[in-house]
C-alpha atoms as a PDB file:
ATOM      1  CA  MET A   1      -7.994  -0.516   7.002  1.00  0.00           C
ATOM      2  CA  GLY A   2      -8.574  -1.713  10.524  1.00  0.00           C
ATOM      3  CA  LEU A   3      -5.855  -2.824  12.883  1.00  0.00           C
ATOM      4  CA  GLY A   4      -7.161  -6.403  12.898  1.00  0.00           C
ATOM      5  CA  LYS A   5      -6.910  -6.654   9.107  1.00  0.00           C
ATOM      6  CA  GLN A   6      -3.372  -5.206   9.138  1.00  0.00           C
ATOM      7  CA  ILE A   7      -2.269  -7.792  11.702  1.00  0.00           C
ATOM      8  CA  LYS A   8      -3.873 -10.591   9.657  1.00  0.00           C
ATOM      9  CA  ASN A   9      -2.105  -9.417   6.467  1.00  0.00           C
ATOM     10  CA  LYS A  10       1.249  -9.326   8.273  1.00  0.00           C
ATOM     11  CA  LYS A  11       0.592 -12.827   9.643  1.00  0.00           C
ATOM     12  CA  VAL A  12      -0.066 -14.216   6.162  1.00  0.00           C
ATOM     13  CA  THR A  13       3.085 -12.559   4.805  1.00  0.00           C
ATOM     14  CA  THR A  14       5.119 -13.846   7.734  1.00  0.00           C
ATOM     15  CA  ASP A  15       3.743 -17.358   7.244  1.00  0.00           C
ATOM     16  CA  VAL A  16       4.637 -17.385   3.534  1.00  0.00           C
ATOM     17  CA  VAL A  17       8.176 -16.174   4.238  1.00  0.00           C
ATOM     18  CA  LEU A  18       8.591 -18.671   7.087  1.00  0.00           C
ATOM     19  CA  VAL A  19       7.435 -21.608   4.961  1.00  0.00           C
ATOM     20  CA  THR A  20       9.740 -20.526   2.133  1.00  0.00           C
ATOM     21  CA  VAL A  21      12.744 -20.224   4.456  1.00  0.00           C
ATOM     22  CA  VAL A  22      12.044 -23.648   5.968  1.00  0.00           C
ATOM     23  CA  LEU A  23      11.754 -25.241   2.527  1.00  0.00           C
ATOM     24  CA  VAL A  24      14.976 -23.578   1.331  1.00  0.00           C
ATOM     25  CA  LEU A  25      16.837 -24.783   4.418  1.00  0.00           C
ATOM     26  CA  LEU A  26      15.506 -28.320   3.974  1.00  0.00           C
ATOM     27  CA  LYS A  27      16.601 -28.242   0.332  1.00  0.00           C
ATOM     28  CA  LEU A  28      20.082 -26.946   1.202  1.00  0.00           C
ATOM     29  CA  VAL A  29      20.706 -29.655   3.795  1.00  0.00           C
ATOM     30  CA  HIS A  30      19.396 -32.321   1.373  1.00  0.00           C
ATOM     31  CA  VAL A  31      16.427 -33.363   3.494  1.00  0.00           C
ATOM     32  CA  ILE A  32      14.097 -32.850   0.541  1.00  0.00           C
ATOM     33  CA  SER A  33      14.991 -33.396  -3.087  1.00  0.00           C
ATOM     34  CA  TRP A  34      12.354 -31.161  -4.614  1.00  0.00           C
ATOM     35  CA  SER A  35      13.167 -28.870  -7.499  1.00  0.00           C
ATOM     36  CA  TRP A  36      13.742 -25.201  -6.722  1.00  0.00           C
ATOM     37  CA  PHE A  37      10.509 -24.478  -8.569  1.00  0.00           C
ATOM     38  CA  TRP A  38       8.520 -26.182  -5.787  1.00  0.00           C
ATOM     39  CA  VAL A  39      10.767 -25.011  -2.966  1.00  0.00           C
ATOM     40  CA  LEU A  40      10.041 -21.406  -3.931  1.00  0.00           C
ATOM     41  CA  SER A  41       6.384 -22.069  -4.760  1.00  0.00           C
ATOM     42  CA  PRO A  42       4.979 -20.271  -1.692  1.00  0.00           C
ATOM     43  CA  LEU A  43       6.395 -17.028  -3.119  1.00  0.00           C
ATOM     44  CA  TRP A  44       5.182 -17.392  -6.686  1.00  0.00           C
ATOM     45  CA  LEU A  45       1.810 -18.843  -5.664  1.00  0.00           C
ATOM     46  CA  THR A  46       1.217 -15.845  -3.403  1.00  0.00           C
ATOM     47  CA  GLY A  47       2.301 -13.483  -6.181  1.00  0.00           C
ATOM     48  CA  GLY A  48       0.048 -15.287  -8.654  1.00  0.00           C
ATOM     49  CA  PHE A  49      -2.910 -15.041  -6.294  1.00  0.00           C
ATOM     50  CA  ILE A  50      -2.353 -11.305  -5.815  1.00  0.00           C
ATOM     51  CA  PHE A  51      -2.063 -10.851  -9.600  1.00  0.00           C
ATOM     52  CA  LEU A  52      -5.316 -12.787 -10.123  1.00  0.00           C
ATOM     53  CA  VAL A  53      -7.207 -10.730  -7.527  1.00  0.00           C
ATOM     54  CA  LEU A  54      -5.936  -7.436  -8.967  1.00  0.00           C
ATOM     55  CA  SER A  55      -6.834  -8.547 -12.502  1.00  0.00           C
ATOM     56  CA  LEU A  56     -10.354  -9.423 -11.411  1.00  0.00           C
ATOM     57  CA  MET A  57     -10.728  -6.087  -9.609  1.00  0.00           C
ATOM     58  CA  ILE A  58      -9.558  -4.130 -12.663  1.00  0.00           C
ATOM     59  CA  THR A  59     -11.904  -6.110 -14.915  1.00  0.00           C
ATOM     60  CA  ALA A  60     -14.847  -5.528 -12.579  1.00  0.00           C
ATOM     61  CA  LEU A  61     -14.057  -1.808 -12.363  1.00  0.00           C
ATOM     62  CA  THR A  62     -13.768  -1.514 -16.130  1.00  0.00           C
ATOM     63  CA  LEU A  63     -17.075  -3.306 -16.652  1.00  0.00           C
ATOM     64  CA  ALA A  64     -18.789  -1.184 -14.012  1.00  0.00           C
ATOM     65  CA  LEU A  65     -17.540   2.060 -15.540  1.00  0.00           C
ATOM     66  CA  ASN A  66     -18.509   0.904 -19.016  1.00  0.00           C
ATOM     67  CA  LYS A  67     -22.010   0.060 -17.804  1.00  0.00           C
ATOM     68  CA  GLU A  68     -22.452   3.502 -16.216  1.00  0.00           C
ATOM     69  CA  GLY A  69     -21.371   5.194 -19.429  1.00  0.00           C
ATOM     70  CA  SER A  70     -18.531   7.177 -17.919  1.00  0.00           C
ATOM     71  CA  TYR A  71     -15.946   4.937 -19.563  1.00  0.00           C
ATOM     72  CA  ARG A  72     -15.321   5.680 -23.220  1.00  0.00           C
ATOM     73  CA  PRO A  73     -13.406   3.215 -25.329  1.00  0.00           C
ATOM     74  CA  VAL A  74     -10.372   4.659 -27.124  1.00  0.00           C
ATOM     75  CA  LYS A  75     -11.891   4.035 -30.558  1.00  0.00           C
ATOM     76  CA  LYS A  76     -14.822   6.372 -29.845  1.00  0.00           C
ATOM     77  CA  VAL A  77     -12.497   9.100 -28.612  1.00  0.00           C
ATOM     78  CA  LEU A  78     -10.294   8.775 -31.685  1.00  0.00           C
ATOM     79  CA  ASP A  79     -13.294   8.767 -34.052  1.00  0.00           C
ATOM     80  CA  LYS A  80     -14.521  12.084 -32.590  1.00  0.00           C
ATOM     81  CA  LYS A  81     -11.091  13.687 -32.937  1.00  0.00           C
ATOM     82  CA  ILE A  82     -10.722  12.558 -36.563  1.00  0.00           C
ATOM     83  CA  LYS A  83     -14.096  13.988 -37.642  1.00  0.00           C
END
């Protein structure tokens, strides 16, 4: 990973934390009356996005390996062992 990409990743993380801290402070001093669900949304939205990207990557990898034939479903492995 290049230095530029590392700096960009740290900037995004810093931005999410900063926004969350600002929202929490605004909630605690009663400037906003949002629910805690929305105050903490930058954290869970970021986590959800990361989960979605990882899920898509795993699915793509599984499909690619299955297409190449190097991935064997568990049922085929079990059928060979039983026979």
